[in-house]
Structure formats: structure tokens, C-alpha cells
C-alpha atoms as a PDB file:
ATOM      1  CA  MET A   1    -129.111 -94.461 109.985  1.00  0.00           C
ATOM      2  CA  GLN A   2    -125.519 -96.112 110.488  1.00  0.00           C
ATOM      3  CA  THR A   3    -123.925 -98.725 108.191  1.00  0.00           C
ATOM      4  CA  PRO A   4    -122.820-101.860 109.671  1.00  0.00           C
ATOM      5  CA  SER A   5    -119.051-102.942 110.092  1.00  0.00           C
ATOM      6  CA  THR A   6    -117.736-105.482 108.347  1.00  0.00           C
ATOM      7  CA  LEU A   7    -117.433-107.729 112.081  1.00  0.00           C
ATOM      8  CA  SER A   8    -121.159-107.160 112.636  1.00  0.00           C
ATOM      9  CA  ILE A   9    -122.417-108.104 109.266  1.00  0.00           C
ATOM     10  CA  TRP A  10    -119.386-111.422 109.407  1.00  0.00           C
ATOM     11  CA  LEU A  11    -121.323-112.354 113.057  1.00  0.00           C
ATOM     12  CA  SER A  12    -124.682-111.633 112.081  1.00  0.00           C
ATOM     13  CA  GLU A  13    -124.402-114.406 109.403  1.00  0.00           C
ATOM     14  CA  GLN A  14    -122.150-116.910 111.804  1.00  0.00           C
ATOM     15  CA  ALA A  15    -124.779-116.814 114.152  1.00  0.00           C
ATOM     16  CA  LEU A  16    -126.531-119.910 112.838  1.00  0.00           C
ATOM     17  CA  PRO A  17    -123.478-122.135 112.190  1.00  0.00           C
ATOM     18  CA  LEU A  18    -122.004-121.273 115.757  1.00  0.00           C
ATOM     19  CA  ALA A  19    -125.511-122.308 117.472  1.00  0.00           C
ATOM     20  CA  ILE A  20    -125.710-125.513 115.652  1.00  0.00           C
ATOM     21  CA  ILE A  21    -122.024-126.194 116.863  1.00  0.00           C
ATOM     22  CA  VAL A  22    -122.909-125.431 120.460  1.00  0.00           C
ATOM     23  CA  PHE A  23    -126.074-127.222 120.338  1.00  0.00           C
ATOM     24  CA  LEU A  24    -124.173-130.581 119.013  1.00  0.00           C
ATOM     25  CA  LEU A  25    -121.392-129.982 121.590  1.00  0.00           C
ATOM     26  CA  ALA A  26    -124.351-129.765 124.407  1.00  0.00           C
ATOM     27  CA  PHE A  27    -126.167-132.788 123.204  1.00  0.00           C
ATOM     28  CA  VAL A  28    -122.576-135.285 122.885  1.00  0.00           C
ATOM     29  CA  MET A  29    -121.961-134.020 126.291  1.00  0.00           C
ATOM     30  CA  ILE A  30    -125.024-134.790 127.747  1.00  0.00           C
ATOM     31  CA  VAL A  31    -124.934-138.309 125.867  1.00  0.00           C
ATOM     32  CA  LEU A  32    -121.328-138.979 127.760  1.00  0.00           C
ATOM     33  CA  SER A  33    -122.532-137.930 130.979  1.00  0.00           C
ATOM     34  CA  VAL A  34    -125.674-139.826 130.817  1.00  0.00           C
ATOM     35  CA  SER A  35    -123.410-142.695 129.196  1.00  0.00           C
ATOM     36  CA  ALA A  36    -121.213-142.833 131.982  1.00  0.00           C
ATOM     37  CA  ARG A  37    -123.635-142.948 134.799  1.00  0.00           C
ATOM     38  CA  ASN A  38    -125.315-146.031 133.420  1.00  0.00           C
ATOM     39  CA  ARG A  39    -122.301-147.652 132.903  1.00  0.00           C
ATOM     40  CA  ARG A  40    -121.368-147.244 136.699  1.00  0.00           C
ATOM     41  CA  VAL A  41    -124.753-148.499 137.486  1.00  0.00           C
ATOM     42  CA  ARG A  42    -124.592-151.506 135.606  1.00  0.00           C
ATOM     43  CA  LEU A  43    -121.147-151.956 137.214  1.00  0.00           C
ATOM     44  CA  ASN A  44    -122.589-151.833 140.482  1.00  0.00           C
ATOM     45  CA  GLU A  45    -125.377-154.109 139.288  1.00  0.00           C
ATOM     46  CA  ALA A  46    -123.380-156.727 137.890  1.00  0.00           C
ATOM     47  CA  ARG A  47    -120.304-156.596 140.843  1.00  0.00           C
ATOM     48  CA  SER A  48    -123.146-156.341 143.798  1.00  0.00           C
ATOM     49  CA  GLY A  49    -121.640-159.030 145.869  1.00  0.00           C
ATOM     50  CA  THR A  50    -117.819-157.756 145.337  1.00  0.00           C
ATOM     51  CA  ASN A  51    -116.490-155.464 147.731  1.00  0.00           C
ATOM     52  CA  GLU A  52    -112.983-154.952 149.745  1.00  0.00           C
ATOM     53  CA  ASP A  53    -113.042-158.463 151.520  1.00  0.00           C
ATOM     54  CA  THR A  54    -113.595-160.261 148.313  1.00  0.00           C
ATOM     55  CA  PHE A  55    -111.145-158.274 146.030  1.00  0.00           C
ATOM     56  CA  VAL A  56    -108.695-159.646 148.973  1.00  0.00           C
ATOM     57  CA  GLU A  57    -109.168-162.816 149.212  1.00  0.00           C
ATOM     58  CA  SER A  58    -109.233-163.350 145.411  1.00  0.00           C
ATOM     59  CA  LEU A  59    -105.576-161.972 145.593  1.00  0.00           C
ATOM     60  CA  ILE A  60    -104.701-163.755 149.049  1.00  0.00           C
ATOM     61  CA  VAL A  61    -105.187-167.461 146.711  1.00  0.00           C
ATOM     62  CA  TYR A  62    -102.351-166.396 144.528  1.00  0.00           C
ATOM     63  CA  GLY A  63    -100.112-165.413 147.333  1.00  0.00           C
ATOM     64  CA  PHE A  64    -100.728-161.780 147.142  1.00  0.00           C
ATOM     65  CA  ASP A  65    -100.296-159.638 150.641  1.00  0.00           C
ATOM     66  CA  PRO A  66    -103.231-158.865 152.286  1.00  0.00           C
ATOM     67  CA  GLU A  67    -102.263-155.772 153.585  1.00  0.00           C
ATOM     68  CA  ILE A  68    -100.809-154.419 150.164  1.00  0.00           C
ATOM     69  CA  SER A  69    -104.273-155.661 148.147  1.00  0.00           C
ATOM     70  CA  ARG A  70    -106.443-153.860 150.664  1.00  0.00           C
ATOM     71  CA  THR A  71    -104.381-150.578 150.656  1.00  0.00           C
ATOM     72  CA  VAL A  72    -104.581-150.369 146.840  1.00  0.00           C
ATOM     73  CA  TYR A  73    -108.131-151.020 146.414  1.00  0.00           C
ATOM     74  CA  ARG A  74    -109.227-148.371 149.686  1.00  0.00           C
ATOM     75  CA  TYR A  75    -106.469-145.884 147.914  1.00  0.00           C
ATOM     76  CA  LEU A  76    -108.200-146.439 144.051  1.00  0.00           C
ATOM     77  CA  GLN A  77    -112.103-146.036 146.288  1.00  0.00           C
ATOM     78  CA  GLU A  78    -111.278-143.434 148.203  1.00  0.00           C
ATOM     79  CA  LYS A  79    -108.421-140.701 146.176  1.00  0.00           C
ATOM     80  CA  GLN A  80    -109.029-142.312 142.865  1.00  0.00           C
ATOM     81  CA  ASN A  81    -112.891-142.050 142.823  1.00  0.00           C
ATOM     82  CA  VAL A  82    -113.434-145.126 141.390  1.00  0.00           C
ATOM     83  CA  HIS A  83    -117.311-145.494 142.686  1.00  0.00           C
ATOM     84  CA  PHE A  84    -118.069-149.059 142.105  1.00  0.00           C
ATOM     85  CA  PRO A  85    -116.810-152.769 143.158  1.00  0.00           C
ATOM     86  CA  ILE A  86    -113.173-152.936 142.310  1.00  0.00           C
ATOM     87  CA  GLU A  87    -111.857-156.643 140.541  1.00  0.00           C
ATOM     88  CA  ALA A  88    -108.461-157.459 140.078  1.00  0.00           C
ATOM     89  CA  THR A  89    -108.787-157.759 136.525  1.00  0.00           C
ATOM     90  CA  ASP A  90    -109.988-154.353 135.895  1.00  0.00           C
ATOM     91  CA  LEU A  91    -107.845-152.172 133.832  1.00  0.00           C
ATOM     92  CA  LEU A  92    -106.242-149.511 135.298  1.00  0.00           C
ATOM     93  CA  ASP A  93    -107.162-146.439 132.442  1.00  0.00           C
ATOM     94  CA  GLU A  94    -109.828-148.323 130.204  1.00  0.00           C
ATOM     95  CA  ASP A  95    -112.453-149.452 133.373  1.00  0.00           C
ATOM     96  CA  LEU A  96    -111.085-147.321 136.005  1.00  0.00           C
ATOM     97  CA  GLY A  97    -110.632-144.044 133.730  1.00  0.00           C
ATOM     98  CA  LEU A  98    -107.211-143.588 135.251  1.00  0.00           C
ATOM     99  CA  ASP A  99    -104.306-141.583 132.688  1.00  0.00           C
ATOM    100  CA  MET A 100    -101.158-141.561 133.311  1.00  0.00           C
ATOM    101  CA  VAL A 101    -100.863-138.734 135.787  1.00  0.00           C
ATOM    102  CA  ASP A 102    -103.011-140.180 137.851  1.00  0.00           C
ATOM    103  CA  LEU A 103    -101.664-143.897 137.673  1.00  0.00           C
ATOM    104  CA  ASP A 104     -98.009-142.428 138.661  1.00  0.00           C
ATOM    105  CA  GLU A 105     -99.528-140.441 141.586  1.00  0.00           C
ATOM    106  CA  THR A 106    -101.166-143.909 142.759  1.00  0.00           C
ATOM    107  CA  VAL A 107     -98.028-145.489 142.147  1.00  0.00           C
ATOM    108  CA  ARG A 108     -95.775-143.062 144.182  1.00  0.00           C
ATOM    109  CA  ASP A 109     -98.854-142.681 146.842  1.00  0.00           C
ATOM    110  CA  VAL A 110     -99.225-146.555 147.215  1.00  0.00           C
ATOM    111  CA  PHE A 111     -95.390-146.859 147.715  1.00  0.00           C
ATOM    112  CA  GLN A 112     -95.919-144.870 150.744  1.00  0.00           C
ATOM    113  CA  LEU A 113     -98.570-145.833 152.447  1.00  0.00           C
ATOM    114  CA  THR A 114     -97.145-149.698 152.282  1.00  0.00           C
ATOM    115  CA  ARG A 115     -94.181-148.073 153.290  1.00  0.00           C
ATOM    116  CA  ARG A 116     -91.988-149.634 150.220  1.00  0.00           C
ATOM    117  CA  ARG A 117     -89.344-148.405 148.000  1.00  0.00           C
ATOM    118  CA  TYR A 118     -90.457-146.949 144.603  1.00  0.00           C
ATOM    119  CA  GLN A 119     -87.834-148.655 141.894  1.00  0.00           C
ATOM    120  CA  PRO A 120     -89.214-147.751 138.578  1.00  0.00           C
ATOM    121  CA  GLY A 121     -86.206-149.800 137.034  1.00  0.00           C
ATOM    122  CA  LEU A 122     -88.300-152.952 139.035  1.00  0.00           C
ATOM    123  CA  ARG A 123     -91.260-152.492 136.657  1.00  0.00           C
ATOM    124  CA  HIS A 124     -89.699-154.056 132.875  1.00  0.00           C
ATOM    125  CA  THR A 125     -94.062-154.066 131.714  1.00  0.00           C
ATOM    126  CA  PRO A 126     -96.426-151.165 131.783  1.00  0.00           C
ATOM    127  CA  LEU A 127     -99.002-151.394 134.857  1.00  0.00           C
ATOM    128  CA  VAL A 128    -102.692-152.683 132.852  1.00  0.00           C
ATOM    129  CA  THR A 129    -104.831-153.987 135.573  1.00  0.00           C
ATOM    130  CA  VAL A 130    -105.128-153.689 139.159  1.00  0.00           C
ATOM    131  CA  GLU A 131    -103.430-156.799 139.397  1.00  0.00           C
ATOM    132  CA  ASP A 132     -99.855-155.696 137.870  1.00  0.00           C
ATOM    133  CA  LEU A 133    -100.471-152.641 140.464  1.00  0.00           C
ATOM    134  CA  VAL A 134    -100.560-155.035 143.583  1.00  0.00           C
ATOM    135  CA  ARG A 135     -97.876-157.133 142.295  1.00  0.00           C
ATOM    136  CA  PHE A 136     -95.753-154.710 141.256  1.00  0.00           C
ATOM    137  CA  VAL A 137     -95.869-152.893 145.193  1.00  0.00           C
ATOM    138  CA  GLN A 138     -95.675-156.206 146.538  1.00  0.00           C
ATOM    139  CA  ALA A 139     -92.426-157.186 144.378  1.00  0.00           C
ATOM    140  CA  SER A 140     -91.187-153.736 145.540  1.00  0.00           C
ATOM    141  CA  PRO A 141     -88.165-153.915 149.045  1.00  0.00           C
ATOM    142  CA  ARG A 142     -89.667-152.380 151.972  1.00  0.00           C
ATOM    143  CA  LEU A 143     -88.387-149.669 153.173  1.00  0.00           C
ATOM    144  CA  VAL A 144     -85.747-150.165 156.644  1.00  0.00           C
ATOM    145  CA  GLU A 145     -85.573-147.870 158.963  1.00  0.00           C
ATOM    146  CA  GLN A 146     -82.180-146.575 159.946  1.00  0.00           C
ATOM    147  CA  ALA A 147     -80.462-147.024 162.982  1.00  0.00           C
ATOM    148  CA  ALA A 148     -79.795-143.443 165.041  1.00  0.00           C
END
């Protein structure tokens, strides 16, 4: 009969604690995914009358450009996978789930789509809400075509 090595003894002693840790991690992941799905469903129900047009209209009242507002809304829905109606007061990080990389990508892409010149120094406060993003894009100068 072969005597077990220290590695096999250690693994047999650690099997139960490792199984418990794996079970707890799986449980946490399931709870988080169910919670995220429930949040999405609640937001869809609470904002059932909100769409792209109501978003744009809510910003036109305050003098925002409707084309920029519409472009930002569409970009967030299509490219950043926001699957619920967006409101101007939504927080970019907490409500929409954008991290710094996503936000930088969004800013650069929206500037390209709206043909605006990106000037980071123009922004003296952080972008917190969707309205801040629209305001930042609108405050930036348009790209001008150079004559040939």
C-alpha cells in the first residue's frame, strides 16, 4: 500500500473548506444577477412612459440642442447597453453602470458623432449625470471644415 504524499493529504483536508467557498461565491453571484435583473424590471416599469422623445423634450426646455441630446441617448442605449429608459438626472456610474473607461469611450465617441472638438480642459467638473454629458458636448466647439 502506498503512503499518501503531503500534497494529497493537504488537498483532502482542504476539500470541504474549498467547496464551501465555491458554494458561497456561486450563491453571491446568483443573488447579484437576480438583484440586477429585478432592478432593470423595476426601472422599466417605473419609466414606462419615458423614451427618447421625452428625454429630448425634457432637455429642450433648458436650451439643450435636440440633436446632441438624441445622439447621447441613442449612444447610451445602443453602444453602452443601457436597457431601460434614460432620464437626464441619471447618474452615469451608479444608474447606468459606466466606469471611467466606458465614460471616456462614450465622451470620445459622442464627440465624433456630433462632429465636435474634444477639449478636455473645457470640463472643470466631473461628468456625473447624463445632463452633464450633454452639456459638455454642447459647450464644445464644432469641428470646422478646412478649405482645400
